[in-house]
Amino acid sequence: MNELIHPDWPAPPNVRAVMTTRNTDPGGLSALLPAEPAWLRQVHGTRVVRLEQGGSNPEADAAVTGAKNRVCAIRAADCMPVLLVDEGATVVGAAHAGWRGLASGVLENTVAAMAVPGKDVIAWLGPAIGPKVYEVGDEVRAVFKEKDAFSPTRAGHWLLDLYAVARQRLRSCGVERIFGGGYCTYSEPERFYSYRRDGTGGRMAALIWLSEVESRAP
């Protein structure tokens, strides 16, 4: 099986974007890619790297590039991968947005690093742990200004809607065209890895790049 998720968003025709699942065949994925993805050493931070500046496996949680056939890549298994492109297809970006990164501004930093007006950016929210199952404690809620993204459960605990926070953070940057956000990694074990559910090291990958050739299919 070679299951892949293709974002349903109005990206320009020379933009390629794809998300793997636990059913993705690595060989089939490699055949789609123009080059080896630029993997990051993700640390739940807010650093953004520009791939044109070189460097291998940098410590960062987001990447942007305006170069053709350079593949921005994010690994995730409950944290949210966010893919971005401007309407002119001059730059793409990918961010790793768990609760720590969201609270600290990883999405704001990624939009800023794209160096285009927020109103020109299109975003896609990839599969993450969903708002009906993602329980966190008071200490997590305390670091967010988006209190309406939390629903009370038992004493001292809350359900957190990562998708809602991401949408609010992106809108604060002027990004209004936001797609995706309808998955739950925890609730779909046959399709997605979930660190909270399984406690194992399996990860999905979200990938985006600018192609030389215009096409609606990756």
N, C-alpha and C. Protein backbone atom coordinates (compact mmCIF):
# COMPACT_ATOMS: atom_id res chain seq x y z
N MET A 1 0.84 -1.19 0.00
CA MET A 1 0.00 0.00 0.00
C MET A 1 0.88 1.24 0.00
N ASN A 2 0.44 2.27 -0.73
CA ASN A 2 1.20 3.52 -0.75
C ASN A 2 0.24 4.69 -0.55
N GLU A 3 -0.36 4.73 0.65
CA GLU A 3 -1.32 5.79 0.94
C GLU A 3 -0.60 7.10 1.20
N LEU A 4 -1.04 8.14 0.52
CA LEU A 4 -0.54 9.48 0.72
C LEU A 4 -1.72 10.44 0.84
N ILE A 5 -1.53 11.49 1.61
CA ILE A 5 -2.53 12.54 1.70
C ILE A 5 -2.07 13.72 0.86
N HIS A 6 -2.92 14.15 -0.06
CA HIS A 6 -2.64 15.33 -0.87
C HIS A 6 -3.50 16.47 -0.36
N PRO A 7 -2.90 17.53 0.14
CA PRO A 7 -3.69 18.62 0.70
C PRO A 7 -4.75 19.13 -0.27
N ASP A 8 -5.94 19.35 0.26
CA ASP A 8 -7.03 19.92 -0.51
C ASP A 8 -7.02 21.43 -0.25
N TRP A 9 -6.28 22.14 -1.08
CA TRP A 9 -6.14 23.58 -0.91
C TRP A 9 -5.84 24.20 -2.27
N PRO A 10 -6.08 25.49 -2.45
CA PRO A 10 -5.89 26.12 -3.76
C PRO A 10 -4.46 26.60 -3.97
N ALA A 11 -3.51 25.70 -3.84
CA ALA A 11 -2.11 26.06 -4.04
C ALA A 11 -1.85 26.33 -5.52
N PRO A 12 -0.89 27.19 -5.85
CA PRO A 12 -0.54 27.41 -7.26
C PRO A 12 -0.13 26.11 -7.94
N PRO A 13 -0.26 26.03 -9.27
CA PRO A 13 -0.07 24.76 -9.97
C PRO A 13 1.35 24.21 -9.97
N ASN A 14 2.36 25.02 -9.65
CA ASN A 14 3.71 24.47 -9.60
C ASN A 14 4.15 24.12 -8.18
N VAL A 15 3.19 24.06 -7.26
CA VAL A 15 3.50 23.69 -5.87
C VAL A 15 3.13 22.23 -5.65
N ARG A 16 4.04 21.47 -5.08
CA ARG A 16 3.79 20.09 -4.73
C ARG A 16 3.74 19.97 -3.21
N ALA A 17 2.78 19.22 -2.71
CA ALA A 17 2.68 19.01 -1.27
C ALA A 17 2.08 17.64 -1.03
N VAL A 18 2.62 16.94 -0.04
CA VAL A 18 2.14 15.59 0.25
C VAL A 18 2.41 15.28 1.72
N MET A 19 1.55 14.43 2.30
CA MET A 19 1.72 13.98 3.68
C MET A 19 1.69 12.46 3.68
N THR A 20 2.64 11.85 4.34
CA THR A 20 2.66 10.40 4.43
C THR A 20 1.73 9.93 5.55
N THR A 21 1.42 8.64 5.54
CA THR A 21 0.69 7.99 6.62
C THR A 21 1.51 6.79 7.06
N ARG A 22 0.99 6.00 7.99
CA ARG A 22 1.72 4.80 8.39
C ARG A 22 1.64 3.73 7.31
N ASN A 23 0.85 3.97 6.26
CA ASN A 23 0.70 3.02 5.16
C ASN A 23 1.44 3.46 3.91
N THR A 24 2.32 4.43 4.04
CA THR A 24 3.06 4.93 2.88
C THR A 24 4.28 4.05 2.60
N ASP A 25 4.44 3.69 1.36
CA ASP A 25 5.61 2.94 0.92
C ASP A 25 6.75 3.92 0.66
N PRO A 26 7.87 3.80 1.37
CA PRO A 26 8.98 4.75 1.18
C PRO A 26 9.46 4.83 -0.26
N GLY A 27 9.46 3.70 -0.93
CA GLY A 27 9.90 3.71 -2.32
C GLY A 27 8.97 4.51 -3.20
N GLY A 28 7.68 4.38 -2.97
CA GLY A 28 6.71 5.14 -3.74
C GLY A 28 6.82 6.63 -3.47
N LEU A 29 7.11 6.98 -2.22
CA LEU A 29 7.29 8.38 -1.88
C LEU A 29 8.53 8.95 -2.58
N SER A 30 9.62 8.22 -2.52
CA SER A 30 10.87 8.69 -3.12
C SER A 30 10.72 8.98 -4.60
N ALA A 31 9.88 8.19 -5.26
CA ALA A 31 9.68 8.38 -6.69
C ALA A 31 9.01 9.70 -7.01
N LEU A 32 8.28 10.28 -6.02
CA LEU A 32 7.60 11.55 -6.24
C LEU A 32 8.51 12.75 -6.03
N LEU A 33 9.56 12.57 -5.25
CA LEU A 33 10.35 13.71 -4.80
C LEU A 33 11.44 14.07 -5.78
N PRO A 34 11.71 15.36 -5.96
CA PRO A 34 12.77 15.79 -6.87
C PRO A 34 14.16 15.70 -6.25
N ALA A 35 14.23 15.58 -4.93
CA ALA A 35 15.50 15.54 -4.21
C ALA A 35 15.25 15.00 -2.81
N GLU A 36 16.34 14.70 -2.12
CA GLU A 36 16.22 14.27 -0.73
C GLU A 36 15.63 15.40 0.11
N PRO A 37 14.63 15.13 0.93
CA PRO A 37 14.06 16.19 1.77
C PRO A 37 15.09 16.79 2.71
N ALA A 38 14.90 18.05 3.04
CA ALA A 38 15.77 18.75 3.98
C ALA A 38 15.24 18.53 5.39
N TRP A 39 15.66 17.42 6.01
CA TRP A 39 15.18 17.07 7.34
C TRP A 39 15.76 18.01 8.38
N LEU A 40 14.99 18.27 9.41
CA LEU A 40 15.39 19.13 10.52
C LEU A 40 15.55 18.31 11.79
N ARG A 41 16.37 18.80 12.70
CA ARG A 41 16.41 18.25 14.06
C ARG A 41 15.41 19.06 14.89
N GLN A 42 14.21 18.53 14.98
CA GLN A 42 13.11 19.25 15.60
C GLN A 42 13.20 19.19 17.12
N VAL A 43 13.03 20.34 17.77
CA VAL A 43 13.20 20.41 19.22
C VAL A 43 12.03 21.12 19.91
N HIS A 44 10.89 21.25 19.22
CA HIS A 44 9.71 21.93 19.76
C HIS A 44 10.00 23.40 20.02
N GLY A 45 10.83 23.98 19.16
CA GLY A 45 11.18 25.39 19.28
C GLY A 45 10.53 26.24 18.22
N THR A 46 11.16 27.38 17.93
CA THR A 46 10.57 28.35 16.99
C THR A 46 11.55 28.78 15.90
N ARG A 47 12.73 28.16 15.83
CA ARG A 47 13.71 28.57 14.83
C ARG A 47 13.28 28.14 13.43
N VAL A 48 13.45 29.05 12.48
CA VAL A 48 13.14 28.80 11.07
C VAL A 48 14.43 28.90 10.27
N VAL A 49 14.68 27.95 9.39
CA VAL A 49 15.87 28.00 8.54
C VAL A 49 15.45 28.24 7.09
N ARG A 50 16.30 28.94 6.36
CA ARG A 50 16.12 29.14 4.93
C ARG A 50 17.00 28.13 4.22
N LEU A 51 16.40 27.25 3.44
CA LEU A 51 17.16 26.13 2.88
C LEU A 51 18.25 26.57 1.92
N GLU A 52 18.10 27.73 1.28
CA GLU A 52 19.13 28.21 0.35
C GLU A 52 20.44 28.52 1.06
N GLN A 53 20.38 28.71 2.35
CA GLN A 53 21.58 29.08 3.08
C GLN A 53 22.45 27.88 3.45
N GLY A 54 22.02 26.70 2.99
CA GLY A 54 22.83 25.52 3.18
C GLY A 54 22.74 24.95 4.58
N GLY A 55 23.64 24.01 4.87
CA GLY A 55 23.62 23.34 6.16
C GLY A 55 22.84 22.05 6.09
N SER A 56 23.31 21.06 6.82
CA SER A 56 22.67 19.74 6.80
C SER A 56 22.06 19.43 8.15
N ASN A 57 20.79 19.01 8.15
CA ASN A 57 20.11 18.58 9.36
C ASN A 57 20.20 19.63 10.48
N PRO A 58 19.80 20.88 10.20
CA PRO A 58 19.90 21.93 11.22
C PRO A 58 18.90 21.73 12.35
N GLU A 59 19.21 22.28 13.51
CA GLU A 59 18.26 22.25 14.62
C GLU A 59 17.26 23.38 14.41
N ALA A 60 16.04 23.03 14.09
CA ALA A 60 15.00 24.01 13.79
C ALA A 60 13.67 23.28 13.76
N ASP A 61 12.59 24.06 13.79
CA ASP A 61 11.26 23.47 13.73
C ASP A 61 10.44 24.01 12.57
N ALA A 62 11.09 24.71 11.66
CA ALA A 62 10.43 25.17 10.45
C ALA A 62 11.48 25.49 9.40
N ALA A 63 11.05 25.42 8.14
CA ALA A 63 11.95 25.73 7.03
C ALA A 63 11.16 26.43 5.94
N VAL A 64 11.83 27.33 5.23
CA VAL A 64 11.24 27.99 4.07
C VAL A 64 12.25 27.98 2.94
N THR A 65 11.76 28.09 1.71
CA THR A 65 12.65 28.17 0.56
C THR A 65 11.92 28.76 -0.64
N GLY A 66 12.68 29.49 -1.43
CA GLY A 66 12.18 29.98 -2.70
C GLY A 66 12.82 29.27 -3.86
N ALA A 67 13.68 28.29 -3.56
CA ALA A 67 14.40 27.55 -4.60
C ALA A 67 13.54 26.43 -5.15
N LYS A 68 13.65 26.18 -6.43
CA LYS A 68 12.91 25.09 -7.05
C LYS A 68 13.51 23.74 -6.62
N ASN A 69 12.62 22.78 -6.41
CA ASN A 69 13.00 21.39 -6.12
C ASN A 69 13.77 21.21 -4.81
N ARG A 70 13.67 22.17 -3.90
CA ARG A 70 14.18 21.99 -2.54
C ARG A 70 12.99 21.61 -1.67
N VAL A 71 13.07 20.48 -0.99
CA VAL A 71 11.92 19.91 -0.30
C VAL A 71 11.96 20.24 1.19
N CYS A 72 11.02 21.10 1.63
CA CYS A 72 10.84 21.34 3.06
C CYS A 72 10.13 20.13 3.66
N ALA A 73 10.58 19.69 4.83
CA ALA A 73 10.04 18.46 5.41
C ALA A 73 9.87 18.59 6.91
N ILE A 74 8.74 18.09 7.41
CA ILE A 74 8.44 18.07 8.84
C ILE A 74 8.01 16.66 9.22
N ARG A 75 8.54 16.14 10.33
CA ARG A 75 8.08 14.87 10.88
C ARG A 75 7.15 15.14 12.06
N ALA A 76 6.09 14.34 12.16
CA ALA A 76 5.14 14.55 13.26
C ALA A 76 4.35 13.28 13.54
N ALA A 77 3.87 13.16 14.79
CA ALA A 77 3.00 12.05 15.18
C ALA A 77 2.16 12.49 16.38
N ASP A 78 1.37 13.49 16.21
CA ASP A 78 0.45 14.15 17.15
C ASP A 78 0.64 15.66 17.06
N CYS A 79 1.89 16.15 16.99
CA CYS A 79 2.10 17.56 16.72
C CYS A 79 1.60 17.86 15.30
N MET A 80 1.31 19.12 15.05
CA MET A 80 0.72 19.52 13.78
C MET A 80 1.78 19.96 12.77
N PRO A 81 1.79 19.36 11.58
CA PRO A 81 2.60 19.90 10.50
C PRO A 81 1.78 20.96 9.75
N VAL A 82 2.38 22.09 9.50
CA VAL A 82 1.70 23.17 8.78
C VAL A 82 2.50 23.49 7.53
N LEU A 83 1.84 23.44 6.38
CA LEU A 83 2.46 23.75 5.09
C LEU A 83 1.94 25.11 4.62
N LEU A 84 2.84 25.89 4.00
CA LEU A 84 2.48 27.23 3.57
C LEU A 84 3.07 27.55 2.21
N VAL A 85 2.38 28.38 1.46
CA VAL A 85 2.87 28.88 0.17
C VAL A 85 2.24 30.24 -0.08
N ASP A 86 2.92 31.09 -0.81
CA ASP A 86 2.30 32.36 -1.19
C ASP A 86 1.61 32.18 -2.53
N GLU A 87 0.64 33.03 -2.81
CA GLU A 87 -0.18 32.87 -4.01
C GLU A 87 0.62 33.03 -5.29
N GLY A 88 1.77 33.69 -5.22
CA GLY A 88 2.62 33.82 -6.39
C GLY A 88 3.59 32.68 -6.57
N ALA A 89 3.57 31.72 -5.64
CA ALA A 89 4.46 30.56 -5.68
C ALA A 89 5.92 30.97 -5.75
N THR A 90 6.28 31.96 -4.93
CA THR A 90 7.68 32.37 -4.86
C THR A 90 8.39 31.76 -3.66
N VAL A 91 7.62 31.25 -2.69
CA VAL A 91 8.24 30.70 -1.49
C VAL A 91 7.27 29.70 -0.85
N VAL A 92 7.83 28.62 -0.31
CA VAL A 92 7.04 27.65 0.44
C VAL A 92 7.66 27.50 1.83
N GLY A 93 6.85 26.97 2.75
CA GLY A 93 7.34 26.76 4.10
C GLY A 93 6.66 25.58 4.76
N ALA A 94 7.31 25.05 5.78
CA ALA A 94 6.74 23.95 6.56
C ALA A 94 7.14 24.15 8.01
N ALA A 95 6.18 23.94 8.92
CA ALA A 95 6.44 24.16 10.35
C ALA A 95 5.95 22.98 11.17
N HIS A 96 6.67 22.71 12.25
CA HIS A 96 6.33 21.68 13.23
C HIS A 96 5.68 22.39 14.41
N ALA A 97 4.37 22.20 14.57
CA ALA A 97 3.61 23.01 15.53
C ALA A 97 2.90 22.15 16.56
N GLY A 98 3.65 21.73 17.58
CA GLY A 98 3.03 21.15 18.76
C GLY A 98 2.64 22.28 19.70
N TRP A 99 2.20 21.94 20.91
CA TRP A 99 1.73 23.01 21.78
C TRP A 99 2.85 23.97 22.18
N ARG A 100 4.04 23.45 22.38
CA ARG A 100 5.15 24.33 22.77
C ARG A 100 5.49 25.31 21.65
N GLY A 101 5.60 24.79 20.44
CA GLY A 101 5.92 25.65 19.31
C GLY A 101 4.83 26.67 19.03
N LEU A 102 3.58 26.23 19.11
CA LEU A 102 2.47 27.16 18.88
C LEU A 102 2.49 28.28 19.91
N ALA A 103 2.66 27.92 21.17
CA ALA A 103 2.65 28.92 22.24
C ALA A 103 3.78 29.92 22.09
N SER A 104 4.91 29.46 21.57
CA SER A 104 6.10 30.30 21.50
C SER A 104 6.22 31.10 20.20
N GLY A 105 5.38 30.78 19.19
CA GLY A 105 5.38 31.59 17.99
C GLY A 105 6.00 30.99 16.75
N VAL A 106 6.05 29.66 16.64
CA VAL A 106 6.68 29.06 15.47
C VAL A 106 5.95 29.42 14.18
N LEU A 107 4.64 29.53 14.21
CA LEU A 107 3.92 29.89 12.99
C LEU A 107 4.16 31.35 12.61
N GLU A 108 4.15 32.22 13.59
CA GLU A 108 4.44 33.63 13.30
C GLU A 108 5.84 33.79 12.72
N ASN A 109 6.80 33.05 13.26
CA ASN A 109 8.17 33.14 12.75
C ASN A 109 8.27 32.60 11.32
N THR A 110 7.52 31.55 11.03
CA THR A 110 7.57 30.97 9.70
C THR A 110 6.98 31.91 8.66
N VAL A 111 5.83 32.50 8.97
CA VAL A 111 5.23 33.46 8.04
C VAL A 111 6.17 34.64 7.84
N ALA A 112 6.80 35.13 8.90
CA ALA A 112 7.74 36.25 8.78
C ALA A 112 8.92 35.88 7.90
N ALA A 113 9.43 34.65 8.04
CA ALA A 113 10.59 34.20 7.26
C ALA A 113 10.26 34.07 5.78
N MET A 114 8.99 33.87 5.45
CA MET A 114 8.61 33.79 4.04
C MET A 114 8.76 35.13 3.34
N ALA A 115 8.73 36.22 4.12
CA ALA A 115 8.98 37.57 3.60
C ALA A 115 7.99 37.98 2.51
N VAL A 116 6.74 37.59 2.68
CA VAL A 116 5.66 38.04 1.81
C VAL A 116 4.51 38.48 2.71
N PRO A 117 3.59 39.31 2.21
CA PRO A 117 2.47 39.72 3.05
C PRO A 117 1.63 38.52 3.49
N GLY A 118 1.19 38.53 4.73
CA GLY A 118 0.38 37.43 5.24
C GLY A 118 -0.86 37.19 4.41
N LYS A 119 -1.44 38.25 3.86
CA LYS A 119 -2.66 38.11 3.07
C LYS A 119 -2.44 37.29 1.79
N ASP A 120 -1.17 37.16 1.39
CA ASP A 120 -0.85 36.39 0.19
C ASP A 120 -0.54 34.93 0.48
N VAL A 121 -0.54 34.55 1.76
CA VAL A 121 -0.14 33.19 2.16
C VAL A 121 -1.36 32.27 2.24
N ILE A 122 -1.16 31.05 1.77
CA ILE A 122 -2.15 29.98 1.87
C ILE A 122 -1.57 28.92 2.79
N ALA A 123 -2.36 28.44 3.76
CA ALA A 123 -1.85 27.47 4.74
C ALA A 123 -2.70 26.20 4.74
N TRP A 124 -2.04 25.10 5.04
CA TRP A 124 -2.72 23.81 5.22
C TRP A 124 -2.28 23.19 6.53
N LEU A 125 -3.27 22.83 7.37
CA LEU A 125 -3.00 22.21 8.67
C LEU A 125 -3.08 20.70 8.51
N GLY A 126 -1.97 20.03 8.70
CA GLY A 126 -1.91 18.58 8.52
C GLY A 126 -2.40 17.82 9.74
N PRO A 127 -2.46 16.49 9.64
CA PRO A 127 -2.99 15.65 10.71
C PRO A 127 -2.27 15.85 12.04
N ALA A 128 -3.06 16.07 13.08
CA ALA A 128 -2.54 16.24 14.45
C ALA A 128 -3.52 15.59 15.41
N ILE A 129 -3.14 15.50 16.67
CA ILE A 129 -4.05 14.96 17.68
C ILE A 129 -5.25 15.91 17.79
N GLY A 130 -6.45 15.34 17.82
CA GLY A 130 -7.65 16.14 17.70
C GLY A 130 -8.19 16.71 19.00
N PRO A 131 -9.08 17.69 18.89
CA PRO A 131 -9.58 18.42 20.07
C PRO A 131 -10.49 17.60 20.98
N LYS A 132 -10.95 16.44 20.56
CA LYS A 132 -11.81 15.62 21.41
C LYS A 132 -11.02 14.68 22.32
N VAL A 133 -9.70 14.57 22.08
CA VAL A 133 -8.90 13.61 22.86
C VAL A 133 -7.62 14.20 23.44
N TYR A 134 -7.23 15.40 23.03
CA TYR A 134 -5.93 15.93 23.46
C TYR A 134 -6.07 16.64 24.81
N GLU A 135 -5.88 15.87 25.89
CA GLU A 135 -6.02 16.41 27.24
C GLU A 135 -4.68 16.92 27.75
N VAL A 136 -4.68 18.12 28.30
CA VAL A 136 -3.49 18.74 28.87
C VAL A 136 -3.83 19.30 30.24
N GLY A 137 -2.80 19.70 30.97
CA GLY A 137 -2.99 20.22 32.32
C GLY A 137 -3.06 21.73 32.39
N ASP A 138 -3.29 22.23 33.59
CA ASP A 138 -3.36 23.68 33.82
C ASP A 138 -2.10 24.39 33.36
N GLU A 139 -0.94 23.72 33.49
CA GLU A 139 0.32 24.37 33.15
C GLU A 139 0.43 24.67 31.66
N VAL A 140 -0.21 23.85 30.84
CA VAL A 140 -0.22 24.11 29.40
C VAL A 140 -1.17 25.26 29.08
N ARG A 141 -2.37 25.21 29.64
CA ARG A 141 -3.34 26.28 29.38
C ARG A 141 -2.79 27.64 29.79
N ALA A 142 -1.99 27.65 30.85
CA ALA A 142 -1.49 28.92 31.38
C ALA A 142 -0.62 29.68 30.39
N VAL A 143 0.03 28.99 29.46
CA VAL A 143 0.95 29.67 28.55
C VAL A 143 0.28 30.15 27.27
N PHE A 144 -1.00 29.90 27.12
CA PHE A 144 -1.72 30.32 25.92
C PHE A 144 -2.63 31.50 26.21
N LYS A 145 -2.70 32.40 25.26
CA LYS A 145 -3.67 33.49 25.35
C LYS A 145 -5.03 33.06 24.78
N GLU A 146 -5.02 31.98 23.96
CA GLU A 146 -6.25 31.52 23.31
C GLU A 146 -7.04 30.59 24.24
N LYS A 147 -7.58 31.16 25.31
CA LYS A 147 -8.28 30.35 26.31
C LYS A 147 -9.52 29.66 25.73
N ASP A 148 -10.09 30.24 24.66
CA ASP A 148 -11.28 29.64 24.07
C ASP A 148 -10.98 28.37 23.30
N ALA A 149 -9.69 28.03 23.14
CA ALA A 149 -9.31 26.79 22.48
C ALA A 149 -9.28 25.61 23.46
N PHE A 150 -9.61 25.85 24.73
CA PHE A 150 -9.58 24.83 25.77
C PHE A 150 -11.00 24.54 26.27
N SER A 151 -11.28 23.25 26.50
CA SER A 151 -12.55 22.83 27.08
C SER A 151 -12.26 22.05 28.36
N PRO A 152 -12.94 22.33 29.47
CA PRO A 152 -12.64 21.65 30.73
C PRO A 152 -13.06 20.19 30.70
N THR A 153 -12.26 19.35 31.36
CA THR A 153 -12.60 17.93 31.51
C THR A 153 -12.70 17.63 33.00
N ARG A 154 -11.66 17.05 33.57
CA ARG A 154 -11.63 16.82 35.01
C ARG A 154 -10.83 17.92 35.68
N ALA A 155 -10.79 17.90 36.98
CA ALA A 155 -10.12 18.98 37.72
C ALA A 155 -8.68 19.16 37.26
N GLY A 156 -8.34 20.37 36.87
CA GLY A 156 -6.97 20.68 36.47
C GLY A 156 -6.60 20.22 35.08
N HIS A 157 -7.56 19.78 34.29
CA HIS A 157 -7.26 19.26 32.96
C HIS A 157 -8.23 19.82 31.93
N TRP A 158 -7.73 19.89 30.69
CA TRP A 158 -8.46 20.54 29.61
C TRP A 158 -8.22 19.79 28.30
N LEU A 159 -9.20 19.87 27.41
CA LEU A 159 -8.99 19.42 26.03
C LEU A 159 -8.53 20.63 25.22
N LEU A 160 -7.42 20.45 24.49
CA LEU A 160 -6.83 21.53 23.72
C LEU A 160 -7.07 21.31 22.23
N ASP A 161 -7.54 22.34 21.56
CA ASP A 161 -7.77 22.31 20.11
C ASP A 161 -6.58 22.99 19.42
N LEU A 162 -5.61 22.17 19.02
CA LEU A 162 -4.43 22.71 18.34
C LEU A 162 -4.80 23.42 17.05
N TYR A 163 -5.77 22.86 16.35
CA TYR A 163 -6.18 23.47 15.08
C TYR A 163 -6.73 24.88 15.30
N ALA A 164 -7.52 25.07 16.34
CA ALA A 164 -8.08 26.39 16.62
C ALA A 164 -6.98 27.40 16.94
N VAL A 165 -5.99 26.97 17.73
CA VAL A 165 -4.88 27.87 18.06
C VAL A 165 -4.12 28.23 16.79
N ALA A 166 -3.84 27.24 15.94
CA ALA A 166 -3.10 27.51 14.71
C ALA A 166 -3.84 28.51 13.83
N ARG A 167 -5.13 28.34 13.71
CA ARG A 167 -5.91 29.28 12.88
C ARG A 167 -5.83 30.70 13.45
N GLN A 168 -5.94 30.82 14.77
CA GLN A 168 -5.88 32.15 15.36
C GLN A 168 -4.50 32.77 15.19
N ARG A 169 -3.45 31.97 15.37
CA ARG A 169 -2.10 32.50 15.22
C ARG A 169 -1.83 32.93 13.77
N LEU A 170 -2.29 32.13 12.81
CA LEU A 170 -2.09 32.49 11.40
C LEU A 170 -2.87 33.75 11.04
N ARG A 171 -4.09 33.84 11.53
CA ARG A 171 -4.89 35.04 11.23
C ARG A 171 -4.25 36.29 11.82
N SER A 172 -3.58 36.14 12.95
CA SER A 172 -2.89 37.29 13.55
C SER A 172 -1.76 37.80 12.66
N CYS A 173 -1.31 36.94 11.75
CA CYS A 173 -0.26 37.31 10.79
C CYS A 173 -0.85 37.77 9.46
N GLY A 174 -2.17 37.83 9.37
CA GLY A 174 -2.81 38.24 8.14
C GLY A 174 -3.19 37.11 7.22
N VAL A 175 -2.94 35.86 7.63
CA VAL A 175 -3.27 34.71 6.80
C VAL A 175 -4.73 34.35 7.01
N GLU A 176 -5.52 34.41 5.96
CA GLU A 176 -6.94 34.11 6.06
C GLU A 176 -7.33 32.82 5.34
N ARG A 177 -6.53 32.42 4.37
CA ARG A 177 -6.87 31.21 3.61
C ARG A 177 -6.18 30.02 4.27
N ILE A 178 -6.93 29.36 5.15
CA ILE A 178 -6.41 28.26 5.97
C ILE A 178 -7.26 27.03 5.71
N PHE A 179 -6.60 25.94 5.34
CA PHE A 179 -7.30 24.71 4.97
C PHE A 179 -6.81 23.55 5.83
N GLY A 180 -7.46 22.40 5.70
CA GLY A 180 -7.08 21.23 6.49
C GLY A 180 -7.64 21.31 7.90
N GLY A 181 -7.05 20.54 8.79
CA GLY A 181 -7.46 20.57 10.19
C GLY A 181 -8.61 19.65 10.53
N GLY A 182 -8.87 18.65 9.71
CA GLY A 182 -9.98 17.75 9.98
C GLY A 182 -9.60 16.35 10.38
N TYR A 183 -8.37 16.14 10.79
CA TYR A 183 -7.89 14.80 11.13
C TYR A 183 -7.67 14.67 12.64
N CYS A 184 -7.51 13.43 13.10
CA CYS A 184 -7.07 13.16 14.47
C CYS A 184 -6.15 11.95 14.45
N THR A 185 -4.87 12.19 14.68
CA THR A 185 -3.89 11.10 14.65
C THR A 185 -4.16 10.05 15.71
N TYR A 186 -4.59 10.49 16.88
CA TYR A 186 -4.84 9.57 18.00
C TYR A 186 -6.00 8.62 17.70
N SER A 187 -7.03 9.12 17.02
CA SER A 187 -8.27 8.36 16.82
C SER A 187 -8.28 7.48 15.58
N GLU A 188 -7.22 7.53 14.77
CA GLU A 188 -7.17 6.74 13.55
C GLU A 188 -5.90 5.87 13.52
N PRO A 189 -5.85 4.84 14.38
CA PRO A 189 -4.63 4.04 14.50
C PRO A 189 -4.28 3.27 13.24
N GLU A 190 -5.26 2.99 12.40
CA GLU A 190 -4.98 2.26 11.18
C GLU A 190 -4.31 3.14 10.13
N ARG A 191 -4.33 4.46 10.36
CA ARG A 191 -3.83 5.39 9.35
C ARG A 191 -2.65 6.22 9.82
N PHE A 192 -2.63 6.58 11.11
CA PHE A 192 -1.63 7.52 11.59
C PHE A 192 -0.86 6.97 12.78
N TYR A 193 0.39 7.38 12.89
CA TYR A 193 1.16 7.19 14.12
C TYR A 193 0.68 8.22 15.16
N SER A 194 0.71 7.83 16.42
CA SER A 194 0.39 8.75 17.51
C SER A 194 1.30 8.44 18.67
N TYR A 195 2.13 9.40 19.05
CA TYR A 195 3.04 9.16 20.16
C TYR A 195 2.28 9.00 21.47
N ARG A 196 1.24 9.79 21.65
CA ARG A 196 0.48 9.70 22.90
C ARG A 196 -0.24 8.35 22.99
N ARG A 197 -0.73 7.84 21.90
CA ARG A 197 -1.47 6.57 21.91
C ARG A 197 -0.53 5.38 22.00
N ASP A 198 0.55 5.39 21.23
CA ASP A 198 1.41 4.21 21.08
C ASP A 198 2.72 4.29 21.86
N GLY A 199 3.20 5.51 22.10
CA GLY A 199 4.48 5.67 22.78
C GLY A 199 5.67 5.17 22.00
N THR A 200 5.51 5.04 20.69
CA THR A 200 6.60 4.55 19.84
C THR A 200 7.12 5.67 18.96
N GLY A 201 8.16 5.35 18.20
CA GLY A 201 8.86 6.39 17.44
C GLY A 201 8.40 6.59 16.02
N GLY A 202 7.31 5.99 15.59
CA GLY A 202 6.84 6.18 14.22
C GLY A 202 6.43 7.61 13.96
N ARG A 203 6.74 8.11 12.78
CA ARG A 203 6.39 9.48 12.41
C ARG A 203 5.87 9.52 10.99
N MET A 204 4.95 10.48 10.74
CA MET A 204 4.57 10.82 9.39
C MET A 204 5.45 11.98 8.93
N ALA A 205 5.43 12.24 7.63
CA ALA A 205 6.20 13.35 7.07
C ALA A 205 5.30 14.22 6.21
N ALA A 206 5.41 15.52 6.40
CA ALA A 206 4.73 16.50 5.55
C ALA A 206 5.80 17.19 4.71
N LEU A 207 5.58 17.24 3.40
CA LEU A 207 6.60 17.71 2.47
C LEU A 207 6.01 18.71 1.48
N ILE A 208 6.78 19.74 1.16
CA ILE A 208 6.32 20.73 0.19
C ILE A 208 7.51 21.27 -0.57
N TRP A 209 7.30 21.53 -1.87
CA TRP A 209 8.37 22.08 -2.69
C TRP A 209 7.79 22.80 -3.90
N LEU A 210 8.61 23.65 -4.50
CA LEU A 210 8.27 24.33 -5.74
C LEU A 210 8.82 23.51 -6.89
N SER A 211 7.97 23.20 -7.85
CA SER A 211 8.38 22.39 -8.99
C SER A 211 8.66 23.27 -10.20
N GLU A 212 9.45 22.74 -11.12
CA GLU A 212 9.69 23.43 -12.39
C GLU A 212 8.49 23.33 -13.30
N VAL A 213 7.65 22.32 -13.08
CA VAL A 213 6.55 22.01 -13.98
C VAL A 213 5.22 22.26 -13.29
N GLU A 214 4.30 22.90 -13.98
CA GLU A 214 2.99 23.15 -13.42
C GLU A 214 2.10 21.92 -13.55
N SER A 215 1.49 21.54 -12.44
CA SER A 215 0.58 20.40 -12.41
C SER A 215 -0.20 20.44 -11.12
N ARG A 216 -1.43 19.95 -11.14
CA ARG A 216 -2.22 19.91 -9.92
C ARG A 216 -1.94 18.66 -9.11
N ALA A 217 -1.25 17.70 -9.66
CA ALA A 217 -0.97 16.46 -8.93
C ALA A 217 0.50 16.40 -8.58
N PRO A 218 0.86 15.96 -7.36
CA PRO A 218 2.28 15.82 -6.99
C PRO A 218 2.96 14.78 -7.86
